[in-house]
């Protein structure tokens, strides 16, 4: 059996969304997140909209394909 020396770097509380580092904050305060009131429900998901280059909060919908499989649909733009 061998001994390994491991060095852990200090933790960082920042995160990156679209190559922009920000301090810890709420997603709904970011400039590239759109949050329509109708989508503010439990289970909502963020979906990337290439036309506006933003993330849009959308209500997640699961639909059955009739064969026992479920498809996640996040809506459209």
PDB file of N, CA and C in Angstrom:
ATOM      1  N   UNK A   1       0.848  -1.169   0.000  1.00  0.00           N
ATOM      2  CA  UNK A   1       0.000   0.000   0.000  1.00  0.00           C
ATOM      3  C   UNK A   1       0.897   1.237   0.000  1.00  0.00           C
ATOM      4  N   UNK A   2       0.527   2.261  -0.754  1.00  0.00           N
ATOM      5  CA  UNK A   2       1.315   3.481  -0.863  1.00  0.00           C
ATOM      6  C   UNK A   2       0.668   4.611  -0.078  1.00  0.00           C
ATOM      7  N   UNK A   3       1.512   5.552   0.342  1.00  0.00           N
ATOM      8  CA  UNK A   3       1.009   6.765   0.980  1.00  0.00           C
ATOM      9  C   UNK A   3       0.929   7.856  -0.073  1.00  0.00           C
ATOM     10  N   UNK A   4      -0.160   8.568  -0.078  1.00  0.00           N
ATOM     11  CA  UNK A   4      -0.335   9.677  -1.010  1.00  0.00           C
ATOM     12  C   UNK A   4      -0.365  10.972  -0.234  1.00  0.00           C
ATOM     13  N   UNK A   5       0.278  11.997  -0.780  1.00  0.00           N
ATOM     14  CA  UNK A   5       0.206  13.321  -0.185  1.00  0.00           C
ATOM     15  C   UNK A   5      -0.760  14.149  -1.021  1.00  0.00           C
ATOM     16  N   UNK A   6      -1.761  14.680  -0.377  1.00  0.00           N
ATOM     17  CA  UNK A   6      -2.788  15.440  -1.067  1.00  0.00           C
ATOM     18  C   UNK A   6      -2.838  16.840  -0.482  1.00  0.00           C
ATOM     19  N   UNK A   7      -2.874  17.841  -1.366  1.00  0.00           N
ATOM     20  CA  UNK A   7      -3.012  19.219  -0.932  1.00  0.00           C
ATOM     21  C   UNK A   7      -4.332  19.746  -1.486  1.00  0.00           C
ATOM     22  N   UNK A   8      -5.213  20.168  -0.601  1.00  0.00           N
ATOM     23  CA  UNK A   8      -6.502  20.705  -1.008  1.00  0.00           C
ATOM     24  C   UNK A   8      -6.425  22.222  -1.038  1.00  0.00           C
ATOM     25  N   UNK A   9      -6.958  22.787  -2.084  1.00  0.00           N
ATOM     26  CA  UNK A   9      -6.966  24.249  -2.167  1.00  0.00           C
ATOM     27  C   UNK A   9      -8.126  24.785  -1.331  1.00  0.00           C
ATOM     28  N   UNK A  10      -8.036  26.035  -0.902  1.00  0.00           N
ATOM     29  CA  UNK A  10      -9.134  26.596  -0.115  1.00  0.00           C
ATOM     30  C   UNK A  10     -10.408  26.679  -0.955  1.00  0.00           C
ATOM     31  N   UNK A  11     -11.543  26.576  -0.286  1.00  0.00           N
ATOM     32  CA  UNK A  11     -12.811  26.632  -1.003  1.00  0.00           C
ATOM     33  C   UNK A  11     -13.086  28.043  -1.485  1.00  0.00           C
ATOM     34  N   UNK A  12     -13.863  28.128  -2.552  1.00  0.00           N
ATOM     35  CA  UNK A  12     -14.225  29.403  -3.154  1.00  0.00           C
ATOM     36  C   UNK A  12     -15.741  29.469  -3.205  1.00  0.00           C
ATOM     37  N   UNK A  13     -16.330  30.541  -2.682  1.00  0.00           N
ATOM     38  CA  UNK A  13     -17.787  30.636  -2.637  1.00  0.00           C
ATOM     39  C   UNK A  13     -18.377  31.282  -3.878  1.00  0.00           C
ATOM     40  N   UNK A  14     -17.554  31.645  -4.861  1.00  0.00           N
ATOM     41  CA  UNK A  14     -18.059  32.225  -6.104  1.00  0.00           C
ATOM     42  C   UNK A  14     -18.468  31.114  -7.060  1.00  0.00           C
ATOM     43  N   UNK A  15     -19.340  31.430  -7.999  1.00  0.00           N
ATOM     44  CA  UNK A  15     -19.719  30.466  -9.024  1.00  0.00           C
ATOM     45  C   UNK A  15     -19.752  31.182 -10.361  1.00  0.00           C
ATOM     46  N   UNK A  16     -19.741  30.398 -11.444  1.00  0.00           N
ATOM     47  CA  UNK A  16     -19.701  30.977 -12.778  1.00  0.00           C
ATOM     48  C   UNK A  16     -20.940  30.580 -13.557  1.00  0.00           C
ATOM     49  N   UNK A  17     -21.587  31.557 -14.183  1.00  0.00           N
ATOM     50  CA  UNK A  17     -22.708  31.333 -15.064  1.00  0.00           C
ATOM     51  C   UNK A  17     -22.436  32.179 -16.293  1.00  0.00           C
ATOM     52  N   UNK A  18     -22.293  31.546 -17.462  1.00  0.00           N
ATOM     53  CA  UNK A  18     -21.964  32.238 -18.710  1.00  0.00           C
ATOM     54  C   UNK A  18     -20.634  32.980 -18.617  1.00  0.00           C
ATOM     55  N   UNK A  19     -19.628  32.338 -18.041  1.00  0.00           N
ATOM     56  CA  UNK A  19     -18.275  32.889 -17.972  1.00  0.00           C
ATOM     57  C   UNK A  19     -18.192  34.211 -17.217  1.00  0.00           C
ATOM     58  N   UNK A  20     -19.103  34.443 -16.295  1.00  0.00           N
ATOM     59  CA  UNK A  20     -19.069  35.647 -15.474  1.00  0.00           C
ATOM     60  C   UNK A  20     -19.035  35.223 -14.022  1.00  0.00           C
ATOM     61  N   UNK A  21     -17.965  35.547 -13.315  1.00  0.00           N
ATOM     62  CA  UNK A  21     -17.861  35.196 -11.915  1.00  0.00           C
ATOM     63  C   UNK A  21     -18.541  36.272 -11.085  1.00  0.00           C
ATOM     64  N   UNK A  22     -19.378  35.834 -10.171  1.00  0.00           N
ATOM     65  CA  UNK A  22     -20.077  36.764  -9.288  1.00  0.00           C
ATOM     66  C   UNK A  22     -19.961  36.268  -7.858  1.00  0.00           C
ATOM     67  N   UNK A  23     -20.164  37.157  -6.939  1.00  0.00           N
ATOM     68  CA  UNK A  23     -20.208  36.752  -5.537  1.00  0.00           C
ATOM     69  C   UNK A  23     -21.482  35.961  -5.308  1.00  0.00           C
ATOM     70  N   UNK A  24     -21.532  35.170  -4.258  1.00  0.00           N
ATOM     71  CA  UNK A  24     -22.741  34.404  -3.994  1.00  0.00           C
ATOM     72  C   UNK A  24     -23.962  35.323  -3.936  1.00  0.00           C
ATOM     73  N   UNK A  25     -24.984  34.962  -4.653  1.00  0.00           N
ATOM     74  CA  UNK A  25     -26.189  35.782  -4.730  1.00  0.00           C
ATOM     75  C   UNK A  25     -27.343  34.913  -5.175  1.00  0.00           C
ATOM     76  N   UNK A  26     -28.479  35.493  -5.380  1.00  0.00           N
ATOM     77  CA  UNK A  26     -29.637  34.757  -5.885  1.00  0.00           C
ATOM     78  C   UNK A  26     -29.623  34.773  -7.406  1.00  0.00           C
ATOM     79  N   UNK A  27     -30.073  33.681  -8.019  1.00  0.00           N
ATOM     80  CA  UNK A  27     -30.113  33.614  -9.482  1.00  0.00           C
ATOM     81  C   UNK A  27     -31.028  34.677 -10.075  1.00  0.00           C
ATOM     82  N   UNK A  28     -32.112  35.013  -9.370  1.00  0.00           N
ATOM     83  CA  UNK A  28     -33.066  35.974  -9.922  1.00  0.00           C
ATOM     84  C   UNK A  28     -32.539  37.407  -9.930  1.00  0.00           C
ATOM     85  N   UNK A  29     -31.352  37.639  -9.369  1.00  0.00           N
ATOM     86  CA  UNK A  29     -30.762  38.974  -9.417  1.00  0.00           C
ATOM     87  C   UNK A  29     -29.693  39.099 -10.504  1.00  0.00           C
ATOM     88  N   UNK A  30     -29.411  38.013 -11.209  1.00  0.00           N
ATOM     89  CA  UNK A  30     -28.419  38.063 -12.273  1.00  0.00           C
ATOM     90  C   UNK A  30     -29.015  38.699 -13.527  1.00  0.00           C
ATOM     91  N   UNK A  31     -28.207  39.432 -14.274  1.00  0.00           N
ATOM     92  CA  UNK A  31     -28.672  40.136 -15.465  1.00  0.00           C
ATOM     93  C   UNK A  31     -29.112  39.203 -16.588  1.00  0.00           C
ATOM     94  N   UNK A  32     -28.590  37.980 -16.622  1.00  0.00           N
ATOM     95  CA  UNK A  32     -28.903  37.079 -17.735  1.00  0.00           C
ATOM     96  C   UNK A  32     -29.941  36.016 -17.372  1.00  0.00           C
ATOM     97  N   UNK A  33     -30.733  36.281 -16.332  1.00  0.00           N
ATOM     98  CA  UNK A  33     -31.800  35.366 -15.932  1.00  0.00           C
ATOM     99  C   UNK A  33     -33.125  36.108 -15.966  1.00  0.00           C
ATOM    100  N   UNK A  34     -34.070  35.585 -16.744  1.00  0.00           N
ATOM    101  CA  UNK A  34     -35.411  36.151 -16.831  1.00  0.00           C
ATOM    102  C   UNK A  34     -36.343  35.273 -16.016  1.00  0.00           C
ATOM    103  N   UNK A  35     -37.182  35.903 -15.199  1.00  0.00           N
ATOM    104  CA  UNK A  35     -38.019  35.141 -14.276  1.00  0.00           C
ATOM    105  C   UNK A  35     -39.470  35.604 -14.364  1.00  0.00           C
ATOM    106  N   UNK A  36     -40.230  35.109 -15.349  1.00  0.00           N
ATOM    107  CA  UNK A  36     -41.649  35.477 -15.435  1.00  0.00           C
ATOM    108  C   UNK A  36     -42.405  35.013 -14.192  1.00  0.00           C
ATOM    109  N   UNK A  37     -43.344  35.823 -13.723  1.00  0.00           N
ATOM    110  CA  UNK A  37     -44.102  35.491 -12.517  1.00  0.00           C
ATOM    111  C   UNK A  37     -44.812  34.145 -12.629  1.00  0.00           C
ATOM    112  N   UNK A  38     -45.327  33.807 -13.809  1.00  0.00           N
ATOM    113  CA  UNK A  38     -46.066  32.556 -13.993  1.00  0.00           C
ATOM    114  C   UNK A  38     -45.188  31.326 -13.783  1.00  0.00           C
ATOM    115  N   UNK A  39     -43.862  31.488 -13.917  1.00  0.00           N
ATOM    116  CA  UNK A  39     -42.956  30.347 -13.791  1.00  0.00           C
ATOM    117  C   UNK A  39     -42.409  30.190 -12.369  1.00  0.00           C
ATOM    118  N   UNK A  40     -42.764  31.086 -11.467  1.00  0.00           N
ATOM    119  CA  UNK A  40     -42.260  31.023 -10.091  1.00  0.00           C
ATOM    120  C   UNK A  40     -43.043  29.991  -9.294  1.00  0.00           C
ATOM    121  N   UNK A  41     -42.767  28.723  -9.579  1.00  0.00           N
ATOM    122  CA  UNK A  41     -43.443  27.607  -8.913  1.00  0.00           C
ATOM    123  C   UNK A  41     -42.403  26.573  -8.508  1.00  0.00           C
ATOM    124  N   UNK A  42     -42.764  25.733  -7.551  1.00  0.00           N
ATOM    125  CA  UNK A  42     -41.874  24.636  -7.178  1.00  0.00           C
ATOM    126  C   UNK A  42     -41.620  23.756  -8.394  1.00  0.00           C
ATOM    127  N   UNK A  43     -40.379  23.354  -8.597  1.00  0.00           N
ATOM    128  CA  UNK A  43     -40.029  22.478  -9.705  1.00  0.00           C
ATOM    129  C   UNK A  43     -39.687  23.208 -10.990  1.00  0.00           C
ATOM    130  N   UNK A  44     -39.692  24.554 -10.979  1.00  0.00           N
ATOM    131  CA  UNK A  44     -39.338  25.303 -12.183  1.00  0.00           C
ATOM    132  C   UNK A  44     -37.860  25.075 -12.514  1.00  0.00           C
ATOM    133  N   UNK A  45     -37.518  25.210 -13.799  1.00  0.00           N
ATOM    134  CA  UNK A  45     -36.145  24.986 -14.249  1.00  0.00           C
ATOM    135  C   UNK A  45     -35.678  26.172 -15.090  1.00  0.00           C
ATOM    136  N   UNK A  46     -34.363  26.356 -15.185  1.00  0.00           N
ATOM    137  CA  UNK A  46     -33.795  27.377 -16.059  1.00  0.00           C
ATOM    138  C   UNK A  46     -33.503  26.762 -17.413  1.00  0.00           C
ATOM    139  N   UNK A  47     -33.935  27.448 -18.480  1.00  0.00           N
ATOM    140  CA  UNK A  47     -33.717  26.979 -19.843  1.00  0.00           C
ATOM    141  C   UNK A  47     -32.983  28.083 -20.601  1.00  0.00           C
ATOM    142  N   UNK A  48     -31.939  27.713 -21.332  1.00  0.00           N
ATOM    143  CA  UNK A  48     -31.182  28.691 -22.111  1.00  0.00           C
ATOM    144  C   UNK A  48     -31.935  29.047 -23.386  1.00  0.00           C
ATOM    145  N   UNK A  49     -32.091  30.353 -23.629  1.00  0.00           N
ATOM    146  CA  UNK A  49     -32.727  30.858 -24.846  1.00  0.00           C
ATOM    147  C   UNK A  49     -31.644  31.494 -25.714  1.00  0.00           C
ATOM    148  N   UNK A  50     -31.271  30.821 -26.800  1.00  0.00           N
ATOM    149  CA  UNK A  50     -30.179  31.296 -27.660  1.00  0.00           C
ATOM    150  C   UNK A  50     -30.516  32.620 -28.338  1.00  0.00           C
ATOM    151  N   UNK A  51     -31.806  32.860 -28.637  1.00  0.00           N
ATOM    152  CA  UNK A  51     -32.175  34.107 -29.311  1.00  0.00           C
ATOM    153  C   UNK A  51     -31.887  35.329 -28.449  1.00  0.00           C
ATOM    154  N   UNK A  52     -32.168  35.242 -27.155  1.00  0.00           N
ATOM    155  CA  UNK A  52     -31.939  36.384 -26.267  1.00  0.00           C
ATOM    156  C   UNK A  52     -30.647  36.252 -25.473  1.00  0.00           C
ATOM    157  N   UNK A  53     -29.965  35.099 -25.595  1.00  0.00           N
ATOM    158  CA  UNK A  53     -28.730  34.822 -24.871  1.00  0.00           C
ATOM    159  C   UNK A  53     -28.928  34.982 -23.368  1.00  0.00           C
ATOM    160  N   UNK A  54     -30.067  34.479 -22.879  1.00  0.00           N
ATOM    161  CA  UNK A  54     -30.377  34.531 -21.456  1.00  0.00           C
ATOM    162  C   UNK A  54     -30.920  33.177 -21.001  1.00  0.00           C
ATOM    163  N   UNK A  55     -31.026  33.027 -19.697  1.00  0.00           N
ATOM    164  CA  UNK A  55     -31.649  31.856 -19.099  1.00  0.00           C
ATOM    165  C   UNK A  55     -33.034  32.278 -18.643  1.00  0.00           C
ATOM    166  N   UNK A  56     -34.044  31.488 -18.969  1.00  0.00           N
ATOM    167  CA  UNK A  56     -35.425  31.827 -18.656  1.00  0.00           C
ATOM    168  C   UNK A  56     -35.987  30.768 -17.712  1.00  0.00           C
ATOM    169  N   UNK A  57     -36.574  31.237 -16.607  1.00  0.00           N
ATOM    170  CA  UNK A  57     -37.226  30.322 -15.685  1.00  0.00           C
ATOM    171  C   UNK A  57     -38.496  29.813 -16.338  1.00  0.00           C
ATOM    172  N   UNK A  58     -38.696  28.501 -16.323  1.00  0.00           N
ATOM    173  CA  UNK A  58     -39.853  27.906 -16.979  1.00  0.00           C
ATOM    174  C   UNK A  58     -40.413  26.802 -16.103  1.00  0.00           C
ATOM    175  N   UNK A  59     -41.716  26.632 -16.162  1.00  0.00           N
ATOM    176  CA  UNK A  59     -42.365  25.570 -15.417  1.00  0.00           C
ATOM    177  C   UNK A  59     -42.099  24.247 -16.124  1.00  0.00           C
ATOM    178  N   UNK A  60     -41.547  23.288 -15.395  1.00  0.00           N
ATOM    179  CA  UNK A  60     -41.235  21.979 -15.968  1.00  0.00           C
ATOM    180  C   UNK A  60     -42.507  21.156 -16.120  1.00  0.00           C
ATOM    181  N   UNK A  61     -42.626  20.461 -17.235  1.00  0.00           N
ATOM    182  CA  UNK A  61     -43.782  19.607 -17.497  1.00  0.00           C
ATOM    183  C   UNK A  61     -43.275  18.236 -17.928  1.00  0.00           C
ATOM    184  N   UNK A  62     -43.769  17.197 -17.288  1.00  0.00           N
ATOM    185  CA  UNK A  62     -43.438  15.835 -17.683  1.00  0.00           C
ATOM    186  C   UNK A  62     -44.624  15.263 -18.447  1.00  0.00           C
ATOM    187  N   UNK A  63     -44.367  14.737 -19.629  1.00  0.00           N
ATOM    188  CA  UNK A  63     -45.423  14.125 -20.433  1.00  0.00           C
ATOM    189  C   UNK A  63     -45.074  12.666 -20.708  1.00  0.00           C
ATOM    190  N   UNK A  64     -46.075  11.824 -20.722  1.00  0.00           N
ATOM    191  CA  UNK A  64     -45.887  10.416 -21.027  1.00  0.00           C
ATOM    192  C   UNK A  64     -45.948  10.218 -22.541  1.00  0.00           C
ATOM    193  N   UNK A  65     -45.084   9.346 -23.049  1.00  0.00           N
ATOM    194  CA  UNK A  65     -45.135   9.046 -24.485  1.00  0.00           C
ATOM    195  C   UNK A  65     -46.053   7.850 -24.767  1.00  0.00           C
ATOM    196  N   UNK A  66     -46.718   7.353 -23.734  1.00  0.00           N
ATOM    197  CA  UNK A  66     -47.642   6.233 -23.896  1.00  0.00           C
ATOM    198  C   UNK A  66     -46.982   4.876 -23.779  1.00  0.00           C
ATOM    199  N   UNK A  67     -45.659   4.841 -23.702  1.00  0.00           N
ATOM    200  CA  UNK A  67     -44.923   3.579 -23.603  1.00  0.00           C
ATOM    201  C   UNK A  67     -44.231   3.426 -22.251  1.00  0.00           C
ATOM    202  N   UNK A  68     -44.692   4.196 -21.269  1.00  0.00           N
ATOM    203  CA  UNK A  68     -44.080   4.122 -19.946  1.00  0.00           C
ATOM    204  C   UNK A  68     -42.878   5.034 -19.786  1.00  0.00           C
ATOM    205  N   UNK A  69     -42.577   5.817 -20.823  1.00  0.00           N
ATOM    206  CA  UNK A  69     -41.468   6.763 -20.744  1.00  0.00           C
ATOM    207  C   UNK A  69     -42.021   8.157 -20.533  1.00  0.00           C
ATOM    208  N   UNK A  70     -41.288   8.958 -19.791  1.00  0.00           N
ATOM    209  CA  UNK A  70     -41.703  10.333 -19.551  1.00  0.00           C
ATOM    210  C   UNK A  70     -40.698  11.293 -20.176  1.00  0.00           C
ATOM    211  N   UNK A  71     -41.201  12.367 -20.752  1.00  0.00           N
ATOM    212  CA  UNK A  71     -40.374  13.350 -21.432  1.00  0.00           C
ATOM    213  C   UNK A  71     -40.481  14.661 -20.659  1.00  0.00           C
ATOM    214  N   UNK A  72     -39.333  15.248 -20.338  1.00  0.00           N
ATOM    215  CA  UNK A  72     -39.309  16.541 -19.670  1.00  0.00           C
ATOM    216  C   UNK A  72     -39.413  17.631 -20.711  1.00  0.00           C
ATOM    217  N   UNK A  73     -40.407  18.487 -20.579  1.00  0.00           N
ATOM    218  CA  UNK A  73     -40.572  19.615 -21.497  1.00  0.00           C
ATOM    219  C   UNK A  73     -40.489  20.885 -20.666  1.00  0.00           C
ATOM    220  N   UNK A  74     -39.613  21.773 -21.091  1.00  0.00           N
ATOM    221  CA  UNK A  74     -39.419  23.007 -20.347  1.00  0.00           C
ATOM    222  C   UNK A  74     -40.070  24.193 -20.991  1.00  0.00           C
ATOM    223  N   UNK A  75     -40.833  23.998 -22.019  1.00  0.00           N
ATOM    224  CA  UNK A  75     -41.502  25.111 -22.671  1.00  0.00           C
ATOM    225  C   UNK A  75     -40.747  25.572 -23.894  1.00  0.00           C
ATOM    226  N   UNK A  76     -41.251  26.584 -24.533  1.00  0.00           N
ATOM    227  CA  UNK A  76     -40.628  27.116 -25.733  1.00  0.00           C
ATOM    228  C   UNK A  76     -40.586  28.625 -25.691  1.00  0.00           C
ATOM    229  N   UNK A  77     -39.960  29.195 -26.676  1.00  0.00           N
ATOM    230  CA  UNK A  77     -39.827  30.661 -26.726  1.00  0.00           C
ATOM    231  C   UNK A  77     -40.459  31.175 -27.998  1.00  0.00           C
TER     232      UNK A  77
END
